[in-house]
Amino acid sequence: MTVTNPFVGNWTYRSFNNDPDLSKAANDLLFGEGTLAIAEQSVTELSGTIGGPGWSLDLRGSFGYGSPMQVRFQGKGVVGGEEWIYDYIGWLVPVWPNSTDRLEVPAIVGSVVRTIPHSGEGGSTNPAGVVASFYAVRAG
């Protein structure tokens, strides 16, 4: 029996700043967005890429069985001549028994942290240690 890794494939990714201020519009909380492509490197390892317009990171990580299943990876890349490193941890949302394949899109929810600082807009610095929440939904 062949078991298919549920993390493998293409996902639409969005992350949001963890800000409790309800007066802020959701669009103002956007931390990042792009495409997450996960491949199975081995029985226990994952690889892939995450990126969007103007940025791309190579991924290396692993997944764990459980309820829910867990994925963890690190993204590294050079963007605008500067190294970027981000760490991700996420959980596969379990299938809801009262839904259907047509109504429920597979999703990963989790957290991302900027591991090292890098330049931001207008000459600012995006500091290390900033944590955001993310979700990714299966694309296609």
N, C-alpha and C. Protein backbone atom coordinates (compact mmCIF):
# COMPACT_ATOMS: atom_id res chain seq x y z
N MET A 1 0.84 -1.18 0.00
CA MET A 1 0.00 0.00 0.00
C MET A 1 0.89 1.25 0.00
N THR A 2 0.64 2.15 -0.93
CA THR A 2 1.39 3.40 -1.02
C THR A 2 0.63 4.49 -0.28
N VAL A 3 1.34 5.17 0.62
CA VAL A 3 0.75 6.27 1.37
C VAL A 3 1.20 7.58 0.75
N THR A 4 0.27 8.45 0.45
CA THR A 4 0.59 9.74 -0.13
C THR A 4 0.82 10.75 0.98
N ASN A 5 1.93 11.48 0.89
CA ASN A 5 2.24 12.52 1.87
C ASN A 5 1.28 13.69 1.63
N PRO A 6 0.45 14.05 2.62
CA PRO A 6 -0.55 15.09 2.39
C PRO A 6 0.02 16.50 2.26
N PHE A 7 1.29 16.69 2.60
CA PHE A 7 1.90 18.02 2.49
C PHE A 7 2.45 18.29 1.09
N VAL A 8 2.74 17.23 0.33
CA VAL A 8 3.35 17.38 -0.98
C VAL A 8 2.36 18.03 -1.94
N GLY A 9 2.84 19.04 -2.66
CA GLY A 9 2.01 19.72 -3.65
C GLY A 9 2.19 21.22 -3.58
N ASN A 10 1.32 21.92 -4.28
CA ASN A 10 1.36 23.38 -4.33
C ASN A 10 0.26 23.97 -3.46
N TRP A 11 0.63 25.01 -2.73
CA TRP A 11 -0.26 25.66 -1.78
C TRP A 11 -0.21 27.17 -1.99
N THR A 12 -1.34 27.84 -1.78
CA THR A 12 -1.39 29.29 -1.76
C THR A 12 -1.15 29.73 -0.33
N TYR A 13 -0.13 30.57 -0.12
CA TYR A 13 0.35 30.92 1.21
C TYR A 13 0.06 32.39 1.52
N ARG A 14 -0.40 32.64 2.74
CA ARG A 14 -0.54 34.00 3.25
C ARG A 14 -0.17 34.01 4.73
N SER A 15 0.55 35.06 5.14
CA SER A 15 0.87 35.22 6.56
C SER A 15 0.46 36.62 7.01
N PHE A 16 0.16 36.71 8.30
CA PHE A 16 -0.36 37.95 8.87
C PHE A 16 0.35 38.28 10.18
N ASN A 17 0.62 39.58 10.38
CA ASN A 17 1.18 40.03 11.65
C ASN A 17 0.21 39.70 12.78
N ASN A 18 0.75 39.31 13.91
CA ASN A 18 -0.06 38.98 15.08
C ASN A 18 -0.34 40.27 15.87
N ASP A 19 -1.33 41.00 15.43
CA ASP A 19 -1.70 42.28 16.04
C ASP A 19 -3.14 42.19 16.53
N PRO A 20 -3.39 42.38 17.84
CA PRO A 20 -4.75 42.23 18.37
C PRO A 20 -5.68 43.41 18.12
N ASP A 21 -5.20 44.48 17.46
CA ASP A 21 -5.99 45.69 17.26
C ASP A 21 -7.07 45.45 16.20
N LEU A 22 -8.35 45.30 16.63
CA LEU A 22 -9.46 45.04 15.71
C LEU A 22 -9.78 46.22 14.81
N SER A 23 -9.26 47.41 15.11
CA SER A 23 -9.53 48.56 14.25
C SER A 23 -8.69 48.53 12.97
N LYS A 24 -7.68 47.68 12.92
CA LYS A 24 -6.85 47.57 11.72
C LYS A 24 -7.52 46.67 10.71
N ALA A 25 -7.48 47.10 9.45
CA ALA A 25 -8.04 46.29 8.36
C ALA A 25 -7.18 45.06 8.14
N ALA A 26 -7.81 43.95 7.75
CA ALA A 26 -7.08 42.69 7.52
C ALA A 26 -5.95 42.89 6.52
N ASN A 27 -6.17 43.68 5.48
CA ASN A 27 -5.12 43.90 4.48
C ASN A 27 -3.89 44.58 5.07
N ASP A 28 -4.08 45.37 6.12
CA ASP A 28 -2.96 46.06 6.77
C ASP A 28 -2.12 45.13 7.64
N LEU A 29 -2.61 43.92 7.87
CA LEU A 29 -1.89 42.94 8.69
C LEU A 29 -1.08 41.95 7.87
N LEU A 30 -1.19 42.03 6.53
CA LEU A 30 -0.50 41.08 5.67
C LEU A 30 1.01 41.14 5.88
N PHE A 31 1.61 40.01 6.17
CA PHE A 31 3.05 39.89 6.40
C PHE A 31 3.74 39.37 5.14
N GLY A 32 3.11 38.41 4.47
CA GLY A 32 3.67 37.86 3.24
C GLY A 32 2.64 37.02 2.51
N GLU A 33 2.86 36.83 1.21
CA GLU A 33 1.99 35.96 0.42
C GLU A 33 2.78 35.42 -0.76
N GLY A 34 2.38 34.24 -1.20
CA GLY A 34 3.07 33.64 -2.32
C GLY A 34 2.62 32.21 -2.54
N THR A 35 3.47 31.47 -3.21
CA THR A 35 3.20 30.07 -3.51
C THR A 35 4.17 29.21 -2.73
N LEU A 36 3.64 28.20 -2.09
CA LEU A 36 4.42 27.23 -1.32
C LEU A 36 4.37 25.93 -2.12
N ALA A 37 5.53 25.44 -2.55
CA ALA A 37 5.62 24.19 -3.30
C ALA A 37 6.42 23.20 -2.48
N ILE A 38 5.79 22.11 -2.06
CA ILE A 38 6.44 21.13 -1.18
C ILE A 38 6.63 19.82 -1.94
N ALA A 39 7.85 19.30 -1.87
CA ALA A 39 8.19 18.01 -2.50
C ALA A 39 8.71 17.07 -1.43
N GLU A 40 8.56 15.78 -1.68
CA GLU A 40 9.07 14.77 -0.76
C GLU A 40 10.51 14.46 -1.13
N GLN A 41 11.43 14.79 -0.23
CA GLN A 41 12.85 14.55 -0.45
C GLN A 41 13.21 13.10 -0.12
N SER A 42 12.63 12.60 0.95
CA SER A 42 12.83 11.21 1.36
C SER A 42 11.61 10.81 2.19
N VAL A 43 11.67 9.65 2.81
CA VAL A 43 10.54 9.17 3.62
C VAL A 43 10.22 10.14 4.75
N THR A 44 11.24 10.84 5.27
CA THR A 44 11.01 11.75 6.40
C THR A 44 11.30 13.21 6.09
N GLU A 45 11.89 13.52 4.94
CA GLU A 45 12.30 14.89 4.65
C GLU A 45 11.49 15.51 3.53
N LEU A 46 11.29 16.83 3.65
CA LEU A 46 10.61 17.61 2.64
C LEU A 46 11.58 18.66 2.08
N SER A 47 11.34 19.06 0.85
CA SER A 47 12.06 20.16 0.24
C SER A 47 11.04 20.98 -0.54
N GLY A 48 11.49 22.04 -1.17
CA GLY A 48 10.59 22.82 -1.98
C GLY A 48 11.00 24.27 -2.02
N THR A 49 10.02 25.12 -2.33
CA THR A 49 10.25 26.57 -2.40
C THR A 49 9.02 27.29 -1.87
N ILE A 50 9.27 28.51 -1.43
CA ILE A 50 8.19 29.44 -1.10
C ILE A 50 8.60 30.77 -1.69
N GLY A 51 7.66 31.46 -2.33
CA GLY A 51 8.02 32.73 -2.91
C GLY A 51 6.87 33.43 -3.58
N GLY A 52 7.14 34.63 -4.01
CA GLY A 52 6.19 35.47 -4.70
C GLY A 52 6.97 36.43 -5.57
N PRO A 53 6.31 37.46 -6.08
CA PRO A 53 7.01 38.43 -6.92
C PRO A 53 8.21 39.05 -6.20
N GLY A 54 9.40 38.85 -6.74
CA GLY A 54 10.61 39.46 -6.18
C GLY A 54 11.29 38.69 -5.06
N TRP A 55 10.76 37.53 -4.67
CA TRP A 55 11.43 36.78 -3.60
C TRP A 55 11.16 35.28 -3.75
N SER A 56 12.14 34.48 -3.34
CA SER A 56 12.00 33.03 -3.35
C SER A 56 12.98 32.44 -2.35
N LEU A 57 12.50 31.47 -1.58
CA LEU A 57 13.33 30.79 -0.60
C LEU A 57 13.28 29.29 -0.87
N ASP A 58 14.42 28.62 -0.73
CA ASP A 58 14.48 27.16 -0.81
C ASP A 58 14.14 26.59 0.54
N LEU A 59 13.34 25.53 0.55
CA LEU A 59 12.88 24.93 1.79
C LEU A 59 13.56 23.60 2.06
N ARG A 60 13.81 23.34 3.33
CA ARG A 60 14.28 22.04 3.79
C ARG A 60 13.61 21.79 5.13
N GLY A 61 13.05 20.58 5.29
CA GLY A 61 12.38 20.31 6.54
C GLY A 61 11.87 18.89 6.63
N SER A 62 10.92 18.71 7.53
CA SER A 62 10.38 17.37 7.77
C SER A 62 8.92 17.48 8.20
N PHE A 63 8.30 16.32 8.34
CA PHE A 63 6.92 16.29 8.81
C PHE A 63 6.79 15.19 9.83
N GLY A 64 5.73 15.27 10.64
CA GLY A 64 5.50 14.27 11.66
C GLY A 64 4.05 13.83 11.66
N TYR A 65 3.87 12.55 11.91
CA TYR A 65 2.51 12.01 12.02
C TYR A 65 1.95 12.38 13.38
N GLY A 66 0.68 12.47 13.47
CA GLY A 66 0.00 12.79 14.72
C GLY A 66 -1.38 13.30 14.40
N SER A 67 -2.02 13.82 15.39
CA SER A 67 -3.35 14.37 15.18
C SER A 67 -3.39 15.76 15.82
N PRO A 68 -3.10 16.80 15.04
CA PRO A 68 -2.91 16.81 13.59
C PRO A 68 -1.46 16.56 13.18
N MET A 69 -1.27 16.26 11.88
CA MET A 69 0.07 16.08 11.33
C MET A 69 0.80 17.43 11.34
N GLN A 70 2.12 17.39 11.51
CA GLN A 70 2.93 18.60 11.63
C GLN A 70 3.96 18.68 10.51
N VAL A 71 4.23 19.90 10.07
CA VAL A 71 5.30 20.16 9.10
C VAL A 71 6.19 21.26 9.68
N ARG A 72 7.49 21.12 9.45
CA ARG A 72 8.44 22.12 9.94
C ARG A 72 9.52 22.26 8.90
N PHE A 73 9.83 23.49 8.50
CA PHE A 73 10.90 23.69 7.54
C PHE A 73 11.53 25.06 7.71
N GLN A 74 12.71 25.19 7.10
CA GLN A 74 13.41 26.46 7.08
C GLN A 74 13.53 26.90 5.64
N GLY A 75 13.27 28.17 5.40
CA GLY A 75 13.42 28.74 4.07
C GLY A 75 14.63 29.65 4.04
N LYS A 76 15.49 29.44 3.03
CA LYS A 76 16.70 30.25 2.86
C LYS A 76 16.79 30.71 1.42
N GLY A 77 17.27 31.94 1.23
CA GLY A 77 17.48 32.44 -0.11
C GLY A 77 18.13 33.79 -0.10
N VAL A 78 18.57 34.20 -1.26
CA VAL A 78 19.15 35.53 -1.43
C VAL A 78 18.13 36.36 -2.19
N VAL A 79 17.69 37.44 -1.56
CA VAL A 79 16.68 38.33 -2.13
C VAL A 79 17.28 39.73 -2.17
N GLY A 80 17.35 40.31 -3.35
CA GLY A 80 17.95 41.64 -3.48
C GLY A 80 19.38 41.69 -3.00
N GLY A 81 20.13 40.60 -3.19
CA GLY A 81 21.53 40.53 -2.79
C GLY A 81 21.76 40.28 -1.31
N GLU A 82 20.70 39.97 -0.58
CA GLU A 82 20.78 39.80 0.87
C GLU A 82 20.19 38.46 1.29
N GLU A 83 20.82 37.79 2.26
CA GLU A 83 20.30 36.51 2.71
C GLU A 83 19.05 36.70 3.56
N TRP A 84 18.04 35.86 3.26
CA TRP A 84 16.82 35.79 4.05
C TRP A 84 16.72 34.38 4.60
N ILE A 85 16.34 34.28 5.88
CA ILE A 85 16.07 32.97 6.50
C ILE A 85 14.81 33.11 7.36
N TYR A 86 13.86 32.21 7.11
CA TYR A 86 12.62 32.15 7.87
C TYR A 86 12.39 30.70 8.30
N ASP A 87 11.83 30.52 9.49
CA ASP A 87 11.48 29.19 9.99
C ASP A 87 9.96 29.08 10.10
N TYR A 88 9.43 27.92 9.72
CA TYR A 88 8.00 27.69 9.66
C TYR A 88 7.63 26.43 10.44
N ILE A 89 6.50 26.47 11.13
CA ILE A 89 5.91 25.27 11.72
C ILE A 89 4.41 25.34 11.45
N GLY A 90 3.85 24.21 11.04
CA GLY A 90 2.43 24.22 10.70
C GLY A 90 1.78 22.87 10.95
N TRP A 91 0.46 22.88 10.96
CA TRP A 91 -0.32 21.67 11.20
C TRP A 91 -1.37 21.53 10.12
N LEU A 92 -1.53 20.32 9.63
CA LEU A 92 -2.55 20.02 8.63
C LEU A 92 -3.91 20.02 9.33
N VAL A 93 -4.83 20.85 8.85
CA VAL A 93 -6.16 20.90 9.45
C VAL A 93 -6.86 19.58 9.18
N PRO A 94 -7.32 18.89 10.23
CA PRO A 94 -8.01 17.60 10.03
C PRO A 94 -9.28 17.76 9.19
N VAL A 95 -9.64 16.72 8.49
CA VAL A 95 -10.86 16.70 7.70
C VAL A 95 -12.05 16.75 8.64
N TRP A 96 -13.01 17.62 8.32
CA TRP A 96 -14.23 17.70 9.11
C TRP A 96 -15.20 16.61 8.66
N PRO A 97 -15.72 15.81 9.58
CA PRO A 97 -16.60 14.71 9.19
C PRO A 97 -17.92 15.16 8.58
N ASN A 98 -18.36 16.37 8.87
CA ASN A 98 -19.64 16.83 8.33
C ASN A 98 -19.45 17.69 7.08
N SER A 99 -18.26 17.66 6.45
CA SER A 99 -18.02 18.39 5.22
C SER A 99 -17.81 17.38 4.08
N THR A 100 -17.41 17.88 2.92
CA THR A 100 -17.15 17.02 1.77
C THR A 100 -15.89 17.50 1.08
N ASP A 101 -15.32 16.67 0.20
CA ASP A 101 -14.14 17.08 -0.57
C ASP A 101 -14.43 18.32 -1.41
N ARG A 102 -15.65 18.49 -1.84
CA ARG A 102 -16.04 19.65 -2.65
C ARG A 102 -16.10 20.93 -1.82
N LEU A 103 -16.42 20.81 -0.53
CA LEU A 103 -16.61 21.98 0.32
C LEU A 103 -15.40 22.33 1.18
N GLU A 104 -14.52 21.37 1.41
CA GLU A 104 -13.36 21.59 2.29
C GLU A 104 -12.07 21.50 1.50
N VAL A 105 -11.32 22.59 1.48
CA VAL A 105 -10.02 22.63 0.82
C VAL A 105 -8.95 22.31 1.86
N PRO A 106 -8.05 21.36 1.59
CA PRO A 106 -6.99 21.07 2.55
C PRO A 106 -6.21 22.34 2.92
N ALA A 107 -5.89 22.48 4.20
CA ALA A 107 -5.21 23.68 4.68
C ALA A 107 -4.15 23.33 5.71
N ILE A 108 -3.12 24.16 5.75
CA ILE A 108 -2.08 24.11 6.77
C ILE A 108 -2.16 25.44 7.52
N VAL A 109 -2.15 25.39 8.85
CA VAL A 109 -2.11 26.61 9.65
C VAL A 109 -0.88 26.55 10.54
N GLY A 110 -0.28 27.72 10.78
CA GLY A 110 0.93 27.69 11.59
C GLY A 110 1.51 29.05 11.88
N SER A 111 2.81 29.03 12.12
CA SER A 111 3.54 30.21 12.56
C SER A 111 4.87 30.29 11.81
N VAL A 112 5.30 31.52 11.55
CA VAL A 112 6.57 31.76 10.86
C VAL A 112 7.35 32.81 11.66
N VAL A 113 8.68 32.64 11.71
CA VAL A 113 9.53 33.61 12.41
C VAL A 113 10.67 34.02 11.47
N ARG A 114 10.96 35.31 11.46
CA ARG A 114 12.11 35.81 10.71
C ARG A 114 13.35 35.48 11.54
N THR A 115 14.21 34.63 11.00
CA THR A 115 15.35 34.11 11.75
C THR A 115 16.53 35.07 11.80
N ILE A 116 16.77 35.78 10.71
CA ILE A 116 17.83 36.80 10.69
C ILE A 116 17.24 38.09 10.12
N PRO A 117 17.80 39.25 10.48
CA PRO A 117 17.25 40.51 9.95
C PRO A 117 17.60 40.67 8.47
N HIS A 118 16.79 41.47 7.79
CA HIS A 118 17.13 41.87 6.42
C HIS A 118 16.53 43.25 6.16
N SER A 119 16.96 43.87 5.09
CA SER A 119 16.50 45.23 4.76
C SER A 119 15.01 45.25 4.47
N GLY A 120 14.39 46.36 4.82
CA GLY A 120 12.98 46.56 4.55
C GLY A 120 12.77 47.73 3.61
N GLU A 121 11.54 48.18 3.51
CA GLU A 121 11.22 49.29 2.63
C GLU A 121 11.79 50.60 3.17
N GLY A 122 12.21 51.46 2.25
CA GLY A 122 12.67 52.79 2.63
C GLY A 122 13.92 52.81 3.48
N GLY A 123 14.78 51.78 3.36
CA GLY A 123 16.02 51.75 4.12
C GLY A 123 15.88 51.25 5.55
N SER A 124 14.70 50.80 5.93
CA SER A 124 14.50 50.29 7.28
C SER A 124 15.06 48.86 7.38
N THR A 125 15.10 48.34 8.60
CA THR A 125 15.53 46.96 8.83
C THR A 125 14.35 46.16 9.35
N ASN A 126 14.12 45.00 8.72
CA ASN A 126 13.14 44.06 9.23
C ASN A 126 13.86 43.18 10.24
N PRO A 127 13.56 43.32 11.54
CA PRO A 127 14.34 42.64 12.56
C PRO A 127 14.08 41.14 12.65
N ALA A 128 15.07 40.42 13.16
CA ALA A 128 14.91 38.99 13.45
C ALA A 128 13.95 38.85 14.63
N GLY A 129 13.29 37.69 14.71
CA GLY A 129 12.43 37.39 15.84
C GLY A 129 10.98 37.77 15.66
N VAL A 130 10.64 38.46 14.58
CA VAL A 130 9.24 38.81 14.34
C VAL A 130 8.47 37.53 13.98
N VAL A 131 7.34 37.31 14.65
CA VAL A 131 6.53 36.12 14.45
C VAL A 131 5.21 36.51 13.82
N ALA A 132 4.78 35.75 12.82
CA ALA A 132 3.49 35.96 12.17
C ALA A 132 2.76 34.61 12.09
N SER A 133 1.46 34.67 11.92
CA SER A 133 0.67 33.46 11.72
C SER A 133 0.46 33.27 10.22
N PHE A 134 0.39 32.00 9.78
CA PHE A 134 0.15 31.77 8.36
C PHE A 134 -0.90 30.70 8.15
N TYR A 135 -1.44 30.72 6.94
CA TYR A 135 -2.25 29.60 6.49
C TYR A 135 -1.92 29.37 5.02
N ALA A 136 -2.05 28.15 4.60
CA ALA A 136 -1.83 27.78 3.21
C ALA A 136 -2.94 26.83 2.80
N VAL A 137 -3.50 27.04 1.63
CA VAL A 137 -4.56 26.17 1.13
C VAL A 137 -4.08 25.53 -0.16
N ARG A 138 -4.44 24.24 -0.32
CA ARG A 138 -4.01 23.50 -1.49
C ARG A 138 -4.49 24.20 -2.75
N ALA A 139 -3.57 24.37 -3.68
CA ALA A 139 -3.87 25.02 -4.96
C ALA A 139 -4.07 23.93 -6.02
N GLY A 140 -5.24 23.92 -6.60
CA GLY A 140 -5.50 22.98 -7.69
C GLY A 140 -5.77 21.57 -7.30
